[in-house]
C-alpha cells in the first residue's frame, strides 16, 4: 500500500515516502497533509513540474539531496536555508536538472511514484501546454 495518493488534475498517482534517506523531510511533509496547491511547469529544469511555496519555512535542511531527480521522484528545496531560491516542490517526469534563474539547485528526494510514469508524463506535459493544474497530496491510498 502506498503512503500517499497524489491527485494532479483528476489523475491519481501513488507514492512512497523515502523515510530511510530523508526522515526529517518526510516527517515534516506528513504534518502538512492533506496538502493542496497548484502545479506549474518548470522553466529551467527540464521535464518536471513544480509547486512554488514562496518564503514558507519548512524548518528542514538538506538530506538525500539531488539536482538530478529521476522520473517519478519528488523533491523539495528548503529555500529558506539557501537564500538562493524559494521553497518549492518539484515532480520529475523525464530528464531533469533542478535549477532556477540563479543556477543549479538541489532538493531533498522524499517521495517516489513507482508506477504510472507514462501517465505522469502525459499529465505533466498537459501542464506545459494547457497550464497549471490543481494538485492534492493525501495520506494513504
C-alpha atoms as a PDB file:
ATOM      1  CA  UNK A   1       0.000   0.000   0.000  1.00  0.00           C
ATOM      2  CA  UNK A   2       1.295   3.452  -0.946  1.00  0.00           C
ATOM      3  CA  UNK A   3       1.967   6.119   1.677  1.00  0.00           C
ATOM      4  CA  UNK A   4       0.487   8.975  -0.341  1.00  0.00           C
ATOM      5  CA  UNK A   5      -2.171   9.461  -3.013  1.00  0.00           C
ATOM      6  CA  UNK A   6      -1.389  12.390  -5.309  1.00  0.00           C
ATOM      7  CA  UNK A   7      -4.136  13.824  -7.471  1.00  0.00           C
ATOM      8  CA  UNK A   8      -2.936  16.019 -10.337  1.00  0.00           C
ATOM      9  CA  UNK A   9      -5.845  17.467 -12.263  1.00  0.00           C
ATOM     10  CA  UNK A  10      -8.003  14.381 -11.683  1.00  0.00           C
ATOM     11  CA  UNK A  11      -5.284  11.760 -12.303  1.00  0.00           C
ATOM     12  CA  UNK A  12      -4.247   9.806  -9.196  1.00  0.00           C
ATOM     13  CA  UNK A  13      -0.738   8.534  -8.521  1.00  0.00           C
ATOM     14  CA  UNK A  14       0.539   6.532  -5.568  1.00  0.00           C
ATOM     15  CA  UNK A  15       3.820   7.484  -3.918  1.00  0.00           C
ATOM     16  CA  UNK A  16       6.062   6.149  -1.204  1.00  0.00           C
ATOM     17  CA  UNK A  17       7.989   8.112   1.412  1.00  0.00           C
ATOM     18  CA  UNK A  18      11.781   7.811   1.430  1.00  0.00           C
ATOM     19  CA  UNK A  19      11.862   7.653   5.248  1.00  0.00           C
ATOM     20  CA  UNK A  20      15.255   5.946   5.490  1.00  0.00           C
ATOM     21  CA  UNK A  21      17.096   8.581   3.433  1.00  0.00           C
ATOM     22  CA  UNK A  22      15.055  11.716   4.215  1.00  0.00           C
ATOM     23  CA  UNK A  23      13.442  11.200   7.649  1.00  0.00           C
ATOM     24  CA  UNK A  24      13.137  14.887   8.610  1.00  0.00           C
ATOM     25  CA  UNK A  25      11.674  15.901   5.261  1.00  0.00           C
ATOM     26  CA  UNK A  26       9.171  13.029   5.300  1.00  0.00           C
ATOM     27  CA  UNK A  27       8.118  13.812   8.885  1.00  0.00           C
ATOM     28  CA  UNK A  28       7.644  17.499   8.076  1.00  0.00           C
ATOM     29  CA  UNK A  29       5.635  16.780   4.923  1.00  0.00           C
ATOM     30  CA  UNK A  30       3.364  14.388   6.826  1.00  0.00           C
ATOM     31  CA  UNK A  31       2.493  17.336   9.094  1.00  0.00           C
ATOM     32  CA  UNK A  32       1.296  19.301   6.052  1.00  0.00           C
ATOM     33  CA  UNK A  33      -1.149  16.622   4.862  1.00  0.00           C
ATOM     34  CA  UNK A  34      -3.534  16.948   3.266  1.00  0.00           C
ATOM     35  CA  UNK A  35      -1.649  19.457   1.133  1.00  0.00           C
ATOM     36  CA  UNK A  36      -3.206  21.142  -1.886  1.00  0.00           C
ATOM     37  CA  UNK A  37      -1.905  23.750  -4.277  1.00  0.00           C
ATOM     38  CA  UNK A  38      -1.441  24.421  -7.998  1.00  0.00           C
ATOM     39  CA  UNK A  39       1.316  22.774 -10.031  1.00  0.00           C
ATOM     40  CA  UNK A  40       3.016  24.553 -12.945  1.00  0.00           C
ATOM     41  CA  UNK A  41       5.675  23.515 -15.442  1.00  0.00           C
ATOM     42  CA  UNK A  42       9.312  24.347 -14.708  1.00  0.00           C
ATOM     43  CA  UNK A  43      11.195  26.920 -16.743  1.00  0.00           C
ATOM     44  CA  UNK A  44      14.823  25.850 -16.379  1.00  0.00           C
ATOM     45  CA  UNK A  45      14.888  22.303 -15.038  1.00  0.00           C
ATOM     46  CA  UNK A  46      13.778  20.162 -17.996  1.00  0.00           C
ATOM     47  CA  UNK A  47      10.915  17.681 -17.787  1.00  0.00           C
ATOM     48  CA  UNK A  48       9.369  18.466 -14.423  1.00  0.00           C
ATOM     49  CA  UNK A  49       6.562  20.404 -12.774  1.00  0.00           C
ATOM     50  CA  UNK A  50       6.811  22.389  -9.580  1.00  0.00           C
ATOM     51  CA  UNK A  51       4.872  23.924  -6.750  1.00  0.00           C
ATOM     52  CA  UNK A  52       6.263  27.308  -5.682  1.00  0.00           C
ATOM     53  CA  UNK A  53       5.910  27.756  -1.929  1.00  0.00           C
ATOM     54  CA  UNK A  54       7.461  31.211  -1.621  1.00  0.00           C
ATOM     55  CA  UNK A  55       9.181  32.003   1.647  1.00  0.00           C
ATOM     56  CA  UNK A  56       7.456  29.176   3.556  1.00  0.00           C
ATOM     57  CA  UNK A  57       9.854  27.856   6.191  1.00  0.00           C
ATOM     58  CA  UNK A  58       9.677  24.067   6.416  1.00  0.00           C
ATOM     59  CA  UNK A  59      12.418  24.056   9.092  1.00  0.00           C
ATOM     60  CA  UNK A  60      14.403  21.337   7.331  1.00  0.00           C
ATOM     61  CA  UNK A  61      17.907  21.246   5.935  1.00  0.00           C
ATOM     62  CA  UNK A  62      19.390  19.183   3.163  1.00  0.00           C
ATOM     63  CA  UNK A  63      19.114  15.396   3.318  1.00  0.00           C
ATOM     64  CA  UNK A  64      19.111  12.928   0.430  1.00  0.00           C
ATOM     65  CA  UNK A  65      19.534  15.963  -1.816  1.00  0.00           C
ATOM     66  CA  UNK A  66      19.877  15.703  -5.578  1.00  0.00           C
ATOM     67  CA  UNK A  67      19.969  18.006  -8.580  1.00  0.00           C
ATOM     68  CA  UNK A  68      19.030  15.163 -10.921  1.00  0.00           C
ATOM     69  CA  UNK A  69      15.746  13.568  -9.819  1.00  0.00           C
ATOM     70  CA  UNK A  70      14.660  10.574 -11.894  1.00  0.00           C
ATOM     71  CA  UNK A  71      11.154  10.314 -13.344  1.00  0.00           C
ATOM     72  CA  UNK A  72       8.683   9.800 -10.502  1.00  0.00           C
ATOM     73  CA  UNK A  73      10.956  11.288  -7.858  1.00  0.00           C
ATOM     74  CA  UNK A  74       9.595  14.216  -5.883  1.00  0.00           C
ATOM     75  CA  UNK A  75      11.993  16.619  -4.218  1.00  0.00           C
ATOM     76  CA  UNK A  76      11.636  19.677  -2.002  1.00  0.00           C
ATOM     77  CA  UNK A  77      14.020  22.619  -1.983  1.00  0.00           C
ATOM     78  CA  UNK A  78      14.268  24.135   1.516  1.00  0.00           C
ATOM     79  CA  UNK A  79      14.661  27.675   0.158  1.00  0.00           C
ATOM     80  CA  UNK A  80      14.968  29.450   3.477  1.00  0.00           C
ATOM     81  CA  UNK A  81      18.340  27.825   4.232  1.00  0.00           C
ATOM     82  CA  UNK A  82      19.962  28.729   0.926  1.00  0.00           C
ATOM     83  CA  UNK A  83      18.640  32.188   0.202  1.00  0.00           C
ATOM     84  CA  UNK A  84      19.143  31.357  -3.495  1.00  0.00           C
ATOM     85  CA  UNK A  85      15.618  30.294  -4.434  1.00  0.00           C
ATOM     86  CA  UNK A  86      12.239  29.958  -2.810  1.00  0.00           C
ATOM     87  CA  UNK A  87      10.898  26.876  -1.060  1.00  0.00           C
ATOM     88  CA  UNK A  88       9.457  24.591  -3.722  1.00  0.00           C
ATOM     89  CA  UNK A  89       8.388  21.042  -4.532  1.00  0.00           C
ATOM     90  CA  UNK A  90       9.452  19.522  -7.856  1.00  0.00           C
ATOM     91  CA  UNK A  91       7.914  16.469  -9.560  1.00  0.00           C
ATOM     92  CA  UNK A  92      10.203  14.984 -12.225  1.00  0.00           C
ATOM     93  CA  UNK A  93       8.604  13.165 -15.159  1.00  0.00           C
ATOM     94  CA  UNK A  94      11.591  12.943 -17.533  1.00  0.00           C
ATOM     95  CA  UNK A  95      15.219  14.100 -17.802  1.00  0.00           C
ATOM     96  CA  UNK A  96      15.744  16.861 -15.288  1.00  0.00           C
ATOM     97  CA  UNK A  97      18.476  19.051 -13.800  1.00  0.00           C
ATOM     98  CA  UNK A  98      16.914  21.063 -10.982  1.00  0.00           C
ATOM     99  CA  UNK A  99      17.697  24.754 -11.475  1.00  0.00           C
ATOM    100  CA  UNK A 100      16.470  28.314 -11.067  1.00  0.00           C
ATOM    101  CA  UNK A 101      17.384  31.626 -12.639  1.00  0.00           C
ATOM    102  CA  UNK A 102      20.230  31.703 -10.100  1.00  0.00           C
ATOM    103  CA  UNK A 103      21.645  28.373 -11.344  1.00  0.00           C
ATOM    104  CA  UNK A 104      21.631  24.726 -10.330  1.00  0.00           C
ATOM    105  CA  UNK A 105      19.769  23.764  -7.153  1.00  0.00           C
ATOM    106  CA  UNK A 106      19.423  20.631  -5.043  1.00  0.00           C
ATOM    107  CA  UNK A 107      16.331  19.291  -3.356  1.00  0.00           C
ATOM    108  CA  UNK A 108      15.547  16.559  -0.855  1.00  0.00           C
ATOM    109  CA  UNK A 109      14.225  13.416  -2.556  1.00  0.00           C
ATOM    110  CA  UNK A 110      11.457  12.416  -0.138  1.00  0.00           C
ATOM    111  CA  UNK A 111       8.686  10.789  -2.232  1.00  0.00           C
ATOM    112  CA  UNK A 112       8.697   8.395  -5.192  1.00  0.00           C
ATOM    113  CA  UNK A 113       5.968   7.486  -7.660  1.00  0.00           C
ATOM    114  CA  UNK A 114       6.902   3.971  -8.811  1.00  0.00           C
ATOM    115  CA  UNK A 115       4.096   3.132 -11.244  1.00  0.00           C
ATOM    116  CA  UNK A 116       2.186   5.007 -13.902  1.00  0.00           C
ATOM    117  CA  UNK A 117       5.165   7.060 -15.034  1.00  0.00           C
ATOM    118  CA  UNK A 118       3.783   7.153 -18.577  1.00  0.00           C
ATOM    119  CA  UNK A 119       0.555   8.713 -17.225  1.00  0.00           C
ATOM    120  CA  UNK A 120       2.615  11.105 -15.087  1.00  0.00           C
ATOM    121  CA  UNK A 121       4.482  12.277 -18.201  1.00  0.00           C
ATOM    122  CA  UNK A 122       1.188  12.783 -20.041  1.00  0.00           C
ATOM    123  CA  UNK A 123      -0.318  14.828 -17.193  1.00  0.00           C
ATOM    124  CA  UNK A 124       2.821  16.926 -16.751  1.00  0.00           C
ATOM    125  CA  UNK A 125       3.101  17.622 -20.486  1.00  0.00           C
ATOM    126  CA  UNK A 126      -0.504  18.785 -20.286  1.00  0.00           C
ATOM    127  CA  UNK A 127       0.566  21.243 -17.590  1.00  0.00           C
ATOM    128  CA  UNK A 128       3.201  22.538 -20.027  1.00  0.00           C
ATOM    129  CA  UNK A 129       0.766  23.039 -22.908  1.00  0.00           C
ATOM    130  CA  UNK A 130      -2.524  23.743 -21.140  1.00  0.00           C
ATOM    131  CA  UNK A 131      -1.429  25.496 -17.941  1.00  0.00           C
ATOM    132  CA  UNK A 132      -1.462  24.855 -14.201  1.00  0.00           C
ATOM    133  CA  UNK A 133      -3.491  22.096 -12.583  1.00  0.00           C
ATOM    134  CA  UNK A 134      -4.669  21.516  -9.029  1.00  0.00           C
ATOM    135  CA  UNK A 135      -2.582  19.040  -7.030  1.00  0.00           C
ATOM    136  CA  UNK A 136      -3.557  17.342  -3.763  1.00  0.00           C
ATOM    137  CA  UNK A 137      -1.397  15.093  -1.565  1.00  0.00           C
ATOM    138  CA  UNK A 138      -3.372  12.820   0.804  1.00  0.00           C
ATOM    139  CA  UNK A 139      -2.221  10.192   3.275  1.00  0.00           C
ATOM    140  CA  UNK A 140      -2.854   6.569   2.340  1.00  0.00           C
ATOM    141  CA  UNK A 141      -4.264   5.211  -0.870  1.00  0.00           C
END
